[in-house]
Protein backbone atom coordinates (compact mmCIF):
# COMPACT_ATOMS: atom_id res chain seq x y z
CA UNK A 1 14.13 6.88 4.27
CA UNK A 2 15.19 7.76 0.73
CA UNK A 3 13.08 8.76 -2.20
CA UNK A 4 10.72 6.26 -3.77
CA UNK A 5 10.42 5.84 -7.53
CA UNK A 6 6.71 5.21 -7.96
CA UNK A 7 7.29 3.99 -11.52
CA UNK A 8 9.02 0.95 -10.04
CA UNK A 9 6.24 -0.01 -7.62
CA UNK A 10 3.97 -2.97 -8.40
CA UNK A 11 0.71 -1.29 -7.46
CA UNK A 12 -1.40 -4.39 -8.13
CA UNK A 13 0.66 -6.29 -5.56
CA UNK A 14 0.54 -3.35 -3.13
CA UNK A 15 -3.23 -2.91 -3.55
CA UNK A 16 -3.73 -6.63 -2.89
CA UNK A 17 -1.53 -6.51 0.21
CA UNK A 18 -3.44 -3.52 1.58
CA UNK A 19 -6.77 -5.26 0.97
CA UNK A 20 -5.54 -8.30 2.91
CA UNK A 21 -4.21 -6.03 5.64
CA UNK A 22 -7.54 -4.28 6.05
CA UNK A 23 -9.44 -7.57 6.08
CA UNK A 24 -7.19 -8.87 8.86
CA UNK A 25 -7.27 -7.88 12.49
CA UNK A 26 -4.43 -5.39 11.85
CA UNK A 27 -7.01 -2.72 11.11
CA UNK A 28 -7.89 -2.48 14.78
CA UNK A 29 -4.36 -1.36 15.61
CA UNK A 30 -4.92 1.82 13.59
CA UNK A 31 -8.57 2.91 13.94
CA UNK A 32 -7.95 6.09 11.95
CA UNK A 33 -7.28 4.01 8.84
CA UNK A 34 -10.83 2.64 8.67
CA UNK A 35 -11.75 5.17 5.99
CA UNK A 36 -8.81 3.96 3.91
CA UNK A 37 -10.40 0.51 3.69
CA UNK A 38 -13.01 1.90 1.35
CA UNK A 39 -10.46 3.81 -0.69
CA UNK A 40 -7.98 1.04 -1.51
CA UNK A 41 -9.85 -0.04 -4.63
CA UNK A 42 -10.49 3.50 -5.83
CA UNK A 43 -7.49 5.71 -5.08
CA UNK A 44 -4.77 6.73 -7.48
CA UNK A 45 -1.48 4.89 -7.25
CA UNK A 46 0.40 7.74 -5.55
CA UNK A 47 -2.28 7.94 -2.83
CA UNK A 48 -2.10 4.16 -2.42
CA UNK A 49 1.62 4.56 -1.72
CA UNK A 50 0.84 7.19 0.93
CA UNK A 51 -1.73 4.92 2.60
CA UNK A 52 0.76 2.05 2.59
CA UNK A 53 3.50 4.16 4.17
CA UNK A 54 1.12 5.55 6.81
CA UNK A 55 0.28 1.97 7.76
CA UNK A 56 3.88 0.86 8.08
CA UNK A 57 4.33 -0.92 4.74
CA UNK A 58 7.85 -1.05 3.28
CA UNK A 59 7.49 -0.09 -0.37
CA UNK A 60 10.85 -1.72 -1.12
CA UNK A 61 8.98 -5.04 -0.89
CA UNK A 62 6.67 -3.97 -3.71
CA UNK A 63 9.25 -3.05 -6.33
CA UNK A 64 8.59 -4.44 -9.79
CA UNK A 65 10.71 -7.42 -10.69
CA UNK A 66 13.27 -6.71 -13.36
CA UNK A 67 12.62 -8.76 -16.48
CA UNK A 68 15.44 -10.21 -18.52
């Protein structure tokens, strides 16, 4: 995996996806991530990226759309 430019990540979209993920049954596949459920709303963006990667999210899907 290459480097990730955090300035190009849509953290609102990522935060929303992680909230949905934790509210789904997926949470039971990774019991160690239970503490992250509480943190999703509160953590800094860079930590949110770490949580997403640790849970198998592809940050490429959360890149900001280029505006014209």
